[in-house]
PDB file of N, CA and C in Angstrom:
ATOM      1  N   MET A   1     110.323 135.961 100.248  1.00  0.00           N
ATOM      2  CA  MET A   1     110.661 135.111  99.129  1.00  0.00           C
ATOM      3  C   MET A   1     111.081 133.708  99.603  1.00  0.00           C
ATOM      4  N   LYS A   2     111.843 133.648 100.703  1.00  0.00           N
ATOM      5  CA  LYS A   2     112.258 132.346 101.225  1.00  0.00           C
ATOM      6  C   LYS A   2     111.054 131.500 101.617  1.00  0.00           C
ATOM      7  N   ASN A   3     110.058 132.140 102.234  1.00  0.00           N
ATOM      8  CA  ASN A   3     108.857 131.401 102.638  1.00  0.00           C
ATOM      9  C   ASN A   3     108.118 130.841 101.432  1.00  0.00           C
ATOM     10  N   PHE A   4     108.059 131.633 100.362  1.00  0.00           N
ATOM     11  CA  PHE A   4     107.392 131.178  99.144  1.00  0.00           C
ATOM     12  C   PHE A   4     108.113 129.957  98.566  1.00  0.00           C
ATOM     13  N   LEU A   5     109.445 130.022  98.489  1.00  0.00           N
ATOM     14  CA  LEU A   5     110.211 128.893  97.949  1.00  0.00           C
ATOM     15  C   LEU A   5     110.059 127.645  98.806  1.00  0.00           C
ATOM     16  N   LEU A   6     110.059 127.834 100.113  1.00  0.00           N
ATOM     17  CA  LEU A   6     109.869 126.705 101.012  1.00  0.00           C
ATOM     18  C   LEU A   6     108.494 126.074 100.798  1.00  0.00           C
ATOM     19  N   ALA A   7     107.468 126.904 100.718  1.00  0.00           N
ATOM     20  CA  ALA A   7     106.107 126.399 100.513  1.00  0.00           C
ATOM     21  C   ALA A   7     105.994 125.678  99.170  1.00  0.00           C
ATOM     22  N   ALA A   8     106.576 126.248  98.126  1.00  0.00           N
ATOM     23  CA  ALA A   8     106.517 125.627  96.801  1.00  0.00           C
ATOM     24  C   ALA A   8     107.235 124.280  96.798  1.00  0.00           C
ATOM     25  N   THR A   9     108.371 124.218  97.471  1.00  0.00           N
ATOM     26  CA  THR A   9     109.128 122.967  97.548  1.00  0.00           C
ATOM     27  C   THR A   9     108.345 121.901  98.301  1.00  0.00           C
ATOM     28  N   LEU A  10     107.761 122.265  99.424  1.00  0.00           N
ATOM     29  CA  LEU A  10     106.999 121.301 100.214  1.00  0.00           C
ATOM     30  C   LEU A  10     105.782 120.789  99.462  1.00  0.00           C
ATOM     31  N   CYS A  11     105.140 121.660  98.703  1.00  0.00           N
ATOM     32  CA  CYS A  11     103.968 121.239  97.925  1.00  0.00           C
ATOM     33  C   CYS A  11     104.358 120.277  96.804  1.00  0.00           C
ATOM     34  N   ALA A  12     105.572 120.410  96.294  1.00  0.00           N
ATOM     35  CA  ALA A  12     106.008 119.569  95.180  1.00  0.00           C
ATOM     36  C   ALA A  12     106.482 118.193  95.629  1.00  0.00           C
ATOM     37  N   LEU A  13     106.839 118.026  96.886  1.00  0.00           N
ATOM     38  CA  LEU A  13     107.384 116.751  97.356  1.00  0.00           C
ATOM     39  C   LEU A  13     106.484 115.552  97.088  1.00  0.00           C
ATOM     40  N   PRO A  14     105.180 115.630  97.328  1.00  0.00           N
ATOM     41  CA  PRO A  14     104.348 114.453  97.036  1.00  0.00           C
ATOM     42  C   PRO A  14     104.385 114.042  95.569  1.00  0.00           C
ATOM     43  N   ALA A  15     104.555 115.004  94.665  1.00  0.00           N
ATOM     44  CA  ALA A  15     104.629 114.666  93.244  1.00  0.00           C
ATOM     45  C   ALA A  15     105.873 113.839  92.947  1.00  0.00           C
ATOM     46  N   PHE A  16     106.984 114.158  93.603  1.00  0.00           N
ATOM     47  CA  PHE A  16     108.201 113.379  93.406  1.00  0.00           C
ATOM     48  C   PHE A  16     108.062 111.987  94.008  1.00  0.00           C
ATOM     49  N   ALA A  17     107.363 111.870  95.106  1.00  0.00           N
ATOM     50  CA  ALA A  17     107.209 110.582  95.783  1.00  0.00           C
ATOM     51  C   ALA A  17     106.219 109.677  95.060  1.00  0.00           C
ATOM     52  N   HIS A  18     105.295 110.255  94.317  1.00  0.00           N
ATOM     53  CA  HIS A  18     104.246 109.504  93.645  1.00  0.00           C
ATOM     54  C   HIS A  18     104.835 108.703  92.491  1.00  0.00           C
ATOM     55  N   HIS A  19     104.453 107.461  92.382  1.00  0.00           N
ATOM     56  CA  HIS A  19     104.955 106.641  91.290  1.00  0.00           C
ATOM     57  C   HIS A  19     103.812 106.289  90.354  1.00  0.00           C
ATOM     58  N   GLY A  20     104.154 106.142  89.078  1.00  0.00           N
ATOM     59  CA  GLY A  20     103.160 105.793  88.079  1.00  0.00           C
ATOM     60  C   GLY A  20     103.223 104.313  87.751  1.00  0.00           C
ATOM     61  N   TRP A  21     102.682 103.981  86.603  1.00  0.00           N
ATOM     62  CA  TRP A  21     102.599 102.590  86.181  1.00  0.00           C
ATOM     63  C   TRP A  21     103.876 102.111  85.501  1.00  0.00           C
ATOM     64  N   SER A  22     104.792 103.013  85.142  1.00  0.00           N
ATOM     65  CA  SER A  22     105.986 102.618  84.387  1.00  0.00           C
ATOM     66  C   SER A  22     106.911 101.687  85.168  1.00  0.00           C
ATOM     67  N   GLU A  23     106.827 101.675  86.482  1.00  0.00           N
ATOM     68  CA  GLU A  23     107.654 100.783  87.302  1.00  0.00           C
ATOM     69  C   GLU A  23     107.192  99.328  87.231  1.00  0.00           C
ATOM     70  N   TYR A  24     106.038  99.095  86.656  1.00  0.00           N
ATOM     71  CA  TYR A  24     105.410  97.774  86.696  1.00  0.00           C
ATOM     72  C   TYR A  24     105.390  97.137  85.309  1.00  0.00           C
ATOM     73  N   ASP A  25     105.609  95.836  85.245  1.00  0.00           N
ATOM     74  CA  ASP A  25     105.669  95.102  83.989  1.00  0.00           C
ATOM     75  C   ASP A  25     104.254  94.775  83.511  1.00  0.00           C
ATOM     76  N   GLN A  26     103.713  95.659  82.691  1.00  0.00           N
ATOM     77  CA  GLN A  26     102.335  95.522  82.231  1.00  0.00           C
ATOM     78  C   GLN A  26     102.180  94.497  81.111  1.00  0.00           C
ATOM     79  N   GLU A  27     103.288  93.923  80.671  1.00  0.00           N
ATOM     80  CA  GLU A  27     103.237  92.873  79.652  1.00  0.00           C
ATOM     81  C   GLU A  27     102.918  91.509  80.257  1.00  0.00           C
ATOM     82  N   LYS A  28     103.045  91.394  81.586  1.00  0.00           N
ATOM     83  CA  LYS A  28     102.853  90.102  82.253  1.00  0.00           C
ATOM     84  C   LYS A  28     101.895  90.241  83.432  1.00  0.00           C
ATOM     85  N   PRO A  29     100.593  90.264  83.163  1.00  0.00           N
ATOM     86  CA  PRO A  29      99.644  90.370  84.275  1.00  0.00           C
ATOM     87  C   PRO A  29      99.688  89.129  85.169  1.00  0.00           C
ATOM     88  N   LEU A  30      99.528  89.365  86.452  1.00  0.00           N
ATOM     89  CA  LEU A  30      99.477  88.300  87.450  1.00  0.00           C
ATOM     90  C   LEU A  30      98.072  88.235  88.026  1.00  0.00           C
ATOM     91  N   THR A  31      97.591  87.055  88.308  1.00  0.00           N
ATOM     92  CA  THR A  31      96.354  86.890  89.064  1.00  0.00           C
ATOM     93  C   THR A  31      96.750  86.274  90.395  1.00  0.00           C
ATOM     94  N   LEU A  32      96.563  87.046  91.464  1.00  0.00           N
ATOM     95  CA  LEU A  32      96.987  86.635  92.803  1.00  0.00           C
ATOM     96  C   LEU A  32      95.772  86.514  93.705  1.00  0.00           C
ATOM     97  N   THR A  33      95.638  85.396  94.379  1.00  0.00           N
ATOM     98  CA  THR A  33      94.551  85.187  95.333  1.00  0.00           C
ATOM     99  C   THR A  33      95.157  84.829  96.676  1.00  0.00           C
ATOM    100  N   GLY A  34      94.629  85.462  97.717  1.00  0.00           N
ATOM    101  CA  GLY A  34      95.123  85.158  99.048  1.00  0.00           C
ATOM    102  C   GLY A  34      94.360  85.910 100.117  1.00  0.00           C
ATOM    103  N   LYS A  35      94.908  85.861 101.315  1.00  0.00           N
ATOM    104  CA  LYS A  35      94.310  86.539 102.479  1.00  0.00           C
ATOM    105  C   LYS A  35      95.025  87.862 102.717  1.00  0.00           C
ATOM    106  N   VAL A  36      94.250  88.873 103.073  1.00  0.00           N
ATOM    107  CA  VAL A  36      94.810  90.176 103.421  1.00  0.00           C
ATOM    108  C   VAL A  36      95.444  90.061 104.805  1.00  0.00           C
ATOM    109  N   ALA A  37      96.758  90.319 104.874  1.00  0.00           N
ATOM    110  CA  ALA A  37      97.489  90.264 106.144  1.00  0.00           C
ATOM    111  C   ALA A  37      97.652  91.655 106.747  1.00  0.00           C
ATOM    112  N   GLU A  38      97.580  92.665 105.895  1.00  0.00           N
ATOM    113  CA  GLU A  38      97.710  94.063 106.323  1.00  0.00           C
ATOM    114  C   GLU A  38      96.953  94.908 105.317  1.00  0.00           C
ATOM    115  N   SER A  39      96.334  95.965 105.789  1.00  0.00           N
ATOM    116  CA  SER A  39      95.550  96.819 104.904  1.00  0.00           C
ATOM    117  C   SER A  39      95.776  98.279 105.255  1.00  0.00           C
ATOM    118  N   GLY A  40      96.057  99.075 104.234  1.00  0.00           N
ATOM    119  CA  GLY A  40      96.207 100.516 104.412  1.00  0.00           C
ATOM    120  C   GLY A  40      95.313 101.232 103.419  1.00  0.00           C
ATOM    121  N   TYR A  41      94.532 102.140 103.898  1.00  0.00           N
ATOM    122  CA  TYR A  41      93.548 102.844 103.068  1.00  0.00           C
ATOM    123  C   TYR A  41      93.844 104.336 103.193  1.00  0.00           C
ATOM    124  N   GLU A  42      95.061 104.713 102.780  1.00  0.00           N
ATOM    125  CA  GLU A  42      95.456 106.107 102.921  1.00  0.00           C
ATOM    126  C   GLU A  42      96.094 106.625 101.636  1.00  0.00           C
ATOM    127  N   HIS A  43      96.256 107.937 101.566  1.00  0.00           N
ATOM    128  CA  HIS A  43      96.825 108.600 100.392  1.00  0.00           C
ATOM    129  C   HIS A  43      98.337 108.445 100.399  1.00  0.00           C
ATOM    130  N   PRO A  44      99.014 108.399  99.272  1.00  0.00           N
ATOM    131  CA  PRO A  44      98.423 108.607  97.960  1.00  0.00           C
ATOM    132  C   PRO A  44      97.758 107.359  97.380  1.00  0.00           C
ATOM    133  N   HIS A  45      98.114 106.174  97.891  1.00  0.00           N
ATOM    134  CA  HIS A  45      97.515 104.929  97.406  1.00  0.00           C
ATOM    135  C   HIS A  45      97.250 104.001  98.573  1.00  0.00           C
ATOM    136  N   GLY A  46      96.151 103.276  98.471  1.00  0.00           N
ATOM    137  CA  GLY A  46      95.923 102.217  99.435  1.00  0.00           C
ATOM    138  C   GLY A  46      96.881 101.073  99.134  1.00  0.00           C
ATOM    139  N   HIS A  47      96.984 100.142 100.055  1.00  0.00           N
ATOM    140  CA  HIS A  47      97.835  98.977  99.834  1.00  0.00           C
ATOM    141  C   HIS A  47      97.354  97.825 100.707  1.00  0.00           C
ATOM    142  N   ILE A  48      97.733  96.643 100.315  1.00  0.00           N
ATOM    143  CA  ILE A  48      97.495  95.463 101.145  1.00  0.00           C
ATOM    144  C   ILE A  48      98.749  94.594 101.116  1.00  0.00           C
ATOM    145  N   ALA A  49      98.954  93.846 102.180  1.00  0.00           N
ATOM    146  CA  ALA A  49      99.908  92.738 102.171  1.00  0.00           C
ATOM    147  C   ALA A  49      99.051  91.513 101.905  1.00  0.00           C
ATOM    148  N   LEU A  50      99.312  90.845 100.802  1.00  0.00           N
ATOM    149  CA  LEU A  50      98.493  89.723 100.358  1.00  0.00           C
ATOM    150  C   LEU A  50      99.285  88.424 100.493  1.00  0.00           C
ATOM    151  N   GLU A  51      98.834  87.569 101.403  1.00  0.00           N
ATOM    152  CA  GLU A  51      99.487  86.271 101.622  1.00  0.00           C
ATOM    153  C   GLU A  51      98.980  85.272 100.594  1.00  0.00           C
ATOM    154  N   THR A  52      99.859  84.904  99.682  1.00  0.00           N
ATOM    155  CA  THR A  52      99.546  83.893  98.678  1.00  0.00           C
ATOM    156  C   THR A  52     100.421  82.676  98.969  1.00  0.00           C
ATOM    157  N   PRO A  53     100.106  81.523  98.402  1.00  0.00           N
ATOM    158  CA  PRO A  53     100.953  80.350  98.649  1.00  0.00           C
ATOM    159  C   PRO A  53     102.410  80.630  98.241  1.00  0.00           C
ATOM    160  N   GLY A  54     103.300  80.570  99.203  1.00  0.00           N
ATOM    161  CA  GLY A  54     104.720  80.736  98.924  1.00  0.00           C
ATOM    162  C   GLY A  54     105.261  82.151  98.941  1.00  0.00           C
ATOM    163  N   LYS A  55     104.389  83.167  99.032  1.00  0.00           N
ATOM    164  CA  LYS A  55     104.887  84.541  98.961  1.00  0.00           C
ATOM    165  C   LYS A  55     103.857  85.516  99.513  1.00  0.00           C
ATOM    166  N   THR A  56     104.346  86.533 100.193  1.00  0.00           N
ATOM    167  CA  THR A  56     103.487  87.643 100.600  1.00  0.00           C
ATOM    168  C   THR A  56     103.829  88.835  99.721  1.00  0.00           C
ATOM    169  N   TRP A  57     102.818  89.345  99.028  1.00  0.00           N
ATOM    170  CA  TRP A  57     102.979  90.480  98.122  1.00  0.00           C
ATOM    171  C   TRP A  57     102.553  91.767  98.806  1.00  0.00           C
ATOM    172  N   ARG A  58     103.250  92.852  98.524  1.00  0.00           N
ATOM    173  CA  ARG A  58     102.778  94.194  98.865  1.00  0.00           C
ATOM    174  C   ARG A  58     102.084  94.687  97.603  1.00  0.00           C
ATOM    175  N   VAL A  59     100.769  94.825  97.666  1.00  0.00           N
ATOM    176  CA  VAL A  59      99.977  95.205  96.497  1.00  0.00           C
ATOM    177  C   VAL A  59      99.542  96.653  96.647  1.00  0.00           C
ATOM    178  N   VAL A  60      99.953  97.477  95.687  1.00  0.00           N
ATOM    179  CA  VAL A  60      99.579  98.884  95.660  1.00  0.00           C
ATOM    180  C   VAL A  60      98.204  98.982  95.006  1.00  0.00           C
ATOM    181  N   LEU A  61      97.300  99.675  95.670  1.00  0.00           N
ATOM    182  CA  LEU A  61      95.931  99.844  95.179  1.00  0.00           C
ATOM    183  C   LEU A  61      95.751 101.262  94.645  1.00  0.00           C
ATOM    184  N   ALA A  62      94.533 101.642  94.351  1.00  0.00           N
ATOM    185  CA  ALA A  62      94.207 102.987  93.881  1.00  0.00           C
ATOM    186  C   ALA A  62      94.139 103.950  95.064  1.00  0.00           C
ATOM    187  N   PRO A  63      94.053 105.245  94.779  1.00  0.00           N
ATOM    188  CA  PRO A  63      93.815 106.201  95.864  1.00  0.00           C
ATOM    189  C   PRO A  63      92.481 105.889  96.555  1.00  0.00           C
ATOM    190  N   PRO A  64      92.390 106.118  97.854  1.00  0.00           N
ATOM    191  CA  PRO A  64      91.153 105.821  98.585  1.00  0.00           C
ATOM    192  C   PRO A  64      89.914 106.485  97.987  1.00  0.00           C
ATOM    193  N   SER A  65      90.042 107.706  97.501  1.00  0.00           N
ATOM    194  CA  SER A  65      88.866 108.390  96.938  1.00  0.00           C
ATOM    195  C   SER A  65      88.329 107.638  95.724  1.00  0.00           C
ATOM    196  N   ARG A  66      89.210 107.098  94.894  1.00  0.00           N
ATOM    197  CA  ARG A  66      88.771 106.329  93.722  1.00  0.00           C
ATOM    198  C   ARG A  66      88.137 105.010  94.157  1.00  0.00           C
ATOM    199  N   MET A  67      88.759 104.341  95.124  1.00  0.00           N
ATOM    200  CA  MET A  67      88.195 103.063  95.584  1.00  0.00           C
ATOM    201  C   MET A  67      86.809 103.274  96.180  1.00  0.00           C
ATOM    202  N   GLN A  68      86.660 104.307  96.982  1.00  0.00           N
ATOM    203  CA  GLN A  68      85.364 104.617  97.601  1.00  0.00           C
ATOM    204  C   GLN A  68      84.321 104.910  96.522  1.00  0.00           C
ATOM    205  N   ALA A  69      84.699 105.732  95.541  1.00  0.00           N
ATOM    206  CA  ALA A  69      83.766 106.110  94.473  1.00  0.00           C
ATOM    207  C   ALA A  69      83.340 104.909  93.629  1.00  0.00           C
ATOM    208  N   ARG A  70      84.191 103.916  93.527  1.00  0.00           N
ATOM    209  CA  ARG A  70      83.888 102.740  92.703  1.00  0.00           C
ATOM    210  C   ARG A  70      83.311 101.579  93.503  1.00  0.00           C
ATOM    211  N   GLY A  71      83.027 101.838  94.776  1.00  0.00           N
ATOM    212  CA  GLY A  71      82.332 100.829  95.574  1.00  0.00           C
ATOM    213  C   GLY A  71      83.218  99.892  96.368  1.00  0.00           C
ATOM    214  N   LEU A  72      84.432 100.327  96.686  1.00  0.00           N
ATOM    215  CA  LEU A  72      85.331  99.499  97.494  1.00  0.00           C
ATOM    216  C   LEU A  72      85.691 100.255  98.775  1.00  0.00           C
ATOM    217  N   PRO A  73      84.823 100.162  99.786  1.00  0.00           N
ATOM    218  CA  PRO A  73      85.119 100.853 101.046  1.00  0.00           C
ATOM    219  C   PRO A  73      86.214 100.131 101.828  1.00  0.00           C
ATOM    220  N   ARG A  74      86.762 100.826 102.777  1.00  0.00           N
ATOM    221  CA  ARG A  74      87.830 100.307 103.640  1.00  0.00           C
ATOM    222  C   ARG A  74      87.466  98.943 104.231  1.00  0.00           C
ATOM    223  N   GLU A  75      86.212  98.776 104.639  1.00  0.00           N
ATOM    224  CA  GLU A  75      85.772  97.550 105.313  1.00  0.00           C
ATOM    225  C   GLU A  75      85.918  96.307 104.430  1.00  0.00           C
ATOM    226  N   ASP A  76      85.852  96.481 103.113  1.00  0.00           N
ATOM    227  CA  ASP A  76      85.926  95.330 102.207  1.00  0.00           C
ATOM    228  C   ASP A  76      87.316  94.707 102.143  1.00  0.00           C
ATOM    229  N   ILE A  77      88.350  95.487 102.441  1.00  0.00           N
ATOM    230  CA  ILE A  77      89.710  94.956 102.332  1.00  0.00           C
ATOM    231  C   ILE A  77      90.365  94.838 103.711  1.00  0.00           C
ATOM    232  N   LYS A  78      89.567  94.429 104.662  1.00  0.00           N
ATOM    233  CA  LYS A  78      90.078  94.286 106.036  1.00  0.00           C
ATOM    234  C   LYS A  78      90.962  93.042 106.154  1.00  0.00           C
ATOM    235  N   VAL A  79      91.788  93.033 107.181  1.00  0.00           N
ATOM    236  CA  VAL A  79      92.663  91.894 107.459  1.00  0.00           C
ATOM    237  C   VAL A  79      91.815  90.631 107.603  1.00  0.00           C
ATOM    238  N   GLY A  80      92.242  89.578 106.928  1.00  0.00           N
ATOM    239  CA  GLY A  80      91.533  88.304 106.963  1.00  0.00           C
ATOM    240  C   GLY A  80      90.656  88.058 105.751  1.00  0.00           C
ATOM    241  N   ALA A  81      90.328  89.113 105.000  1.00  0.00           N
ATOM    242  CA  ALA A  81      89.496  88.958 103.807  1.00  0.00           C
ATOM    243  C   ALA A  81      90.270  88.201 102.730  1.00  0.00           C
ATOM    244  N   THR A  82      89.550  87.380 101.970  1.00  0.00           N
ATOM    245  CA  THR A  82      90.148  86.720 100.812  1.00  0.00           C
ATOM    246  C   THR A  82      89.877  87.588  99.595  1.00  0.00           C
ATOM    247  N   VAL A  83      90.931  87.913  98.856  1.00  0.00           N
ATOM    248  CA  VAL A  83      90.795  88.754  97.673  1.00  0.00           C
ATOM    249  C   VAL A  83      91.579  88.148  96.519  1.00  0.00           C
ATOM    250  N   THR A  84      91.173  88.537  95.320  1.00  0.00           N
ATOM    251  CA  THR A  84      91.923  88.225  94.107  1.00  0.00           C
ATOM    252  C   THR A  84      92.232  89.542  93.426  1.00  0.00           C
ATOM    253  N   VAL A  85      93.480  89.717  93.018  1.00  0.00           N
ATOM    254  CA  VAL A  85      93.856  90.914  92.272  1.00  0.00           C
ATOM    255  C   VAL A  85      94.466  90.499  90.942  1.00  0.00           C
ATOM    256  N   VAL A  86      94.188  91.290  89.921  1.00  0.00           N
ATOM    257  CA  VAL A  86      94.946  91.224  88.678  1.00  0.00           C
ATOM    258  C   VAL A  86      95.918  92.383  88.795  1.00  0.00           C
ATOM    259  N   ALA A  87      97.201  92.064  88.746  1.00  0.00           N
ATOM    260  CA  ALA A  87      98.217  93.062  89.071  1.00  0.00           C
ATOM    261  C   ALA A  87      99.442  92.875  88.190  1.00  0.00           C
ATOM    262  N   TYR A  88     100.356  93.835  88.289  1.00  0.00           N
ATOM    263  CA  TYR A  88     101.610  93.809  87.549  1.00  0.00           C
ATOM    264  C   TYR A  88     102.762  93.923  88.533  1.00  0.00           C
ATOM    265  N   ALA A  89     103.754  93.050  88.397  1.00  0.00           N
ATOM    266  CA  ALA A  89     104.905  93.051  89.298  1.00  0.00           C
ATOM    267  C   ALA A  89     105.768  94.288  89.071  1.00  0.00           C
ATOM    268  N   ASN A  90     106.316  94.809  90.155  1.00  0.00           N
ATOM    269  CA  ASN A  90     107.262  95.913  90.084  1.00  0.00           C
ATOM    270  C   ASN A  90     108.571  95.362  89.521  1.00  0.00           C
ATOM    271  N   ARG A  91     109.141  96.081  88.563  1.00  0.00           N
ATOM    272  CA  ARG A  91     110.375  95.613  87.918  1.00  0.00           C
ATOM    273  C   ARG A  91     111.569  95.588  88.874  1.00  0.00           C
ATOM    274  N   GLY A  92     111.568  96.468  89.874  1.00  0.00           N
ATOM    275  CA  GLY A  92     112.713  96.575  90.770  1.00  0.00           C
ATOM    276  C   GLY A  92     112.492  96.052  92.176  1.00  0.00           C
ATOM    277  N   LYS A  93     111.242  95.766  92.515  1.00  0.00           N
ATOM    278  CA  LYS A  93     110.904  95.276  93.855  1.00  0.00           C
ATOM    279  C   LYS A  93     110.127  93.971  93.686  1.00  0.00           C
ATOM    280  N   PRO A  94     110.794  92.834  93.845  1.00  0.00           N
ATOM    281  CA  PRO A  94     110.174  91.548  93.501  1.00  0.00           C
ATOM    282  C   PRO A  94     108.958  91.150  94.337  1.00  0.00           C
ATOM    283  N   ASP A  95     108.725  91.803  95.456  1.00  0.00           N
ATOM    284  CA  ASP A  95     107.566  91.464  96.287  1.00  0.00           C
ATOM    285  C   ASP A  95     106.427  92.475  96.155  1.00  0.00           C
ATOM    286  N   GLU A  96     106.550  93.415  95.217  1.00  0.00           N
ATOM    287  CA  GLU A  96     105.522  94.449  95.068  1.00  0.00           C
ATOM    288  C   GLU A  96     104.827  94.316  93.721  1.00  0.00           C
ATOM    289  N   ALA A  97     103.519  94.558  93.736  1.00  0.00           N
ATOM    290  CA  ALA A  97     102.723  94.571  92.513  1.00  0.00           C
ATOM    291  C   ALA A  97     101.701  95.695  92.621  1.00  0.00           C
ATOM    292  N   ARG A  98     101.244  96.162  91.473  1.00  0.00           N
ATOM    293  CA  ARG A  98     100.211  97.196  91.447  1.00  0.00           C
ATOM    294  C   ARG A  98      98.956  96.602  90.828  1.00  0.00           C
ATOM    295  N   ALA A  99      97.839  96.775  91.528  1.00  0.00           N
ATOM    296  CA  ALA A  99      96.585  96.125  91.120  1.00  0.00           C
ATOM    297  C   ALA A  99      95.836  96.926  90.064  1.00  0.00           C
ATOM    298  N   GLU A 100      95.411  96.222  89.039  1.00  0.00           N
ATOM    299  CA  GLU A 100      94.540  96.774  87.999  1.00  0.00           C
ATOM    300  C   GLU A 100      93.083  96.648  88.441  1.00  0.00           C
ATOM    301  N   ARG A 101      92.768  95.516  89.070  1.00  0.00           N
ATOM    302  CA  ARG A 101      91.415  95.281  89.587  1.00  0.00           C
ATOM    303  C   ARG A 101      91.503  94.365  90.792  1.00  0.00           C
ATOM    304  N   ILE A 102      90.461  94.403  91.595  1.00  0.00           N
ATOM    305  CA  ILE A 102      90.413  93.569  92.795  1.00  0.00           C
ATOM    306  C   ILE A 102      89.025  92.952  92.896  1.00  0.00           C
ATOM    307  N   THR A 103      88.977  91.694  93.299  1.00  0.00           N
ATOM    308  CA  THR A 103      87.707  91.015  93.545  1.00  0.00           C
ATOM    309  C   THR A 103      87.679  90.605  95.007  1.00  0.00           C
ATOM    310  N   VAL A 104      86.629  91.031  95.682  1.00  0.00           N
ATOM    311  CA  VAL A 104      86.456  90.703  97.096  1.00  0.00           C
ATOM    312  C   VAL A 104      84.962  90.549  97.357  1.00  0.00           C
ATOM    313  N   GLY A 105      84.590  89.498  98.061  1.00  0.00           N
ATOM    314  CA  GLY A 105      83.183  89.274  98.370  1.00  0.00           C
ATOM    315  C   GLY A 105      82.304  89.141  97.143  1.00  0.00           C
ATOM    316  N   GLY A 106      82.849  88.576  96.051  1.00  0.00           N
ATOM    317  CA  GLY A 106      82.074  88.402  94.827  1.00  0.00           C
ATOM    318  C   GLY A 106      81.937  89.654  93.981  1.00  0.00           C
ATOM    319  N   LYS A 107      82.553  90.748  94.399  1.00  0.00           N
ATOM    320  CA  LYS A 107      82.456  92.021  93.679  1.00  0.00           C
ATOM    321  C   LYS A 107      83.819  92.373  93.094  1.00  0.00           C
ATOM    322  N   THR A 108      83.854  92.720  91.798  1.00  0.00           N
ATOM    323  CA  THR A 108      85.090  93.132  91.137  1.00  0.00           C
ATOM    324  C   THR A 108      85.068  94.637  90.929  1.00  0.00           C
ATOM    325  N   VAL A 109      86.178  95.281  91.302  1.00  0.00           N
ATOM    326  CA  VAL A 109      86.296  96.736  91.194  1.00  0.00           C
ATOM    327  C   VAL A 109      87.530  97.065  90.361  1.00  0.00           C
ATOM    328  N   GLU A 110      87.332  97.868  89.318  1.00  0.00           N
ATOM    329  CA  GLU A 110      88.444  98.362  88.502  1.00  0.00           C
ATOM    330  C   GLU A 110      89.136  99.480  89.273  1.00  0.00           C
ATOM    331  N   LEU A 111      90.458  99.390  89.390  1.00  0.00           N
ATOM    332  CA  LEU A 111      91.196 100.356  90.195  1.00  0.00           C
ATOM    333  C   LEU A 111      91.952 101.392  89.372  1.00  0.00           C
ATOM    334  N   ARG A 112      92.132 101.138  88.117  1.00  0.00           N
ATOM    335  CA  ARG A 112      92.925 102.046  87.284  1.00  0.00           C
ATOM    336  C   ARG A 112      92.095 103.137  86.687  1.00  0.00           C
TER     337      ARG A 112
END
């Protein structure tokens, strides 16, 4: 029984760590353009550090499987790439935003 409870608890941890859209101010969309300074293409969500004039944003992207399925492979968001995101600022973390869509290399991909 202890092993079962331990396994159930461990399986539930990612659900607690996962955040939804409620943390982000969807009433005020931002359009951010800049250079990718850091790129992560891992679960549960990809992310980039986006250097914009005056500020570097941590932009939360979609899960890698969704980005891949919609035509945004890892190579497109490599360090040094110029991208534009339409995103929403995190209400509690002033340097974080979550992207609704991303444009890179002339291609726009819906992430939500």
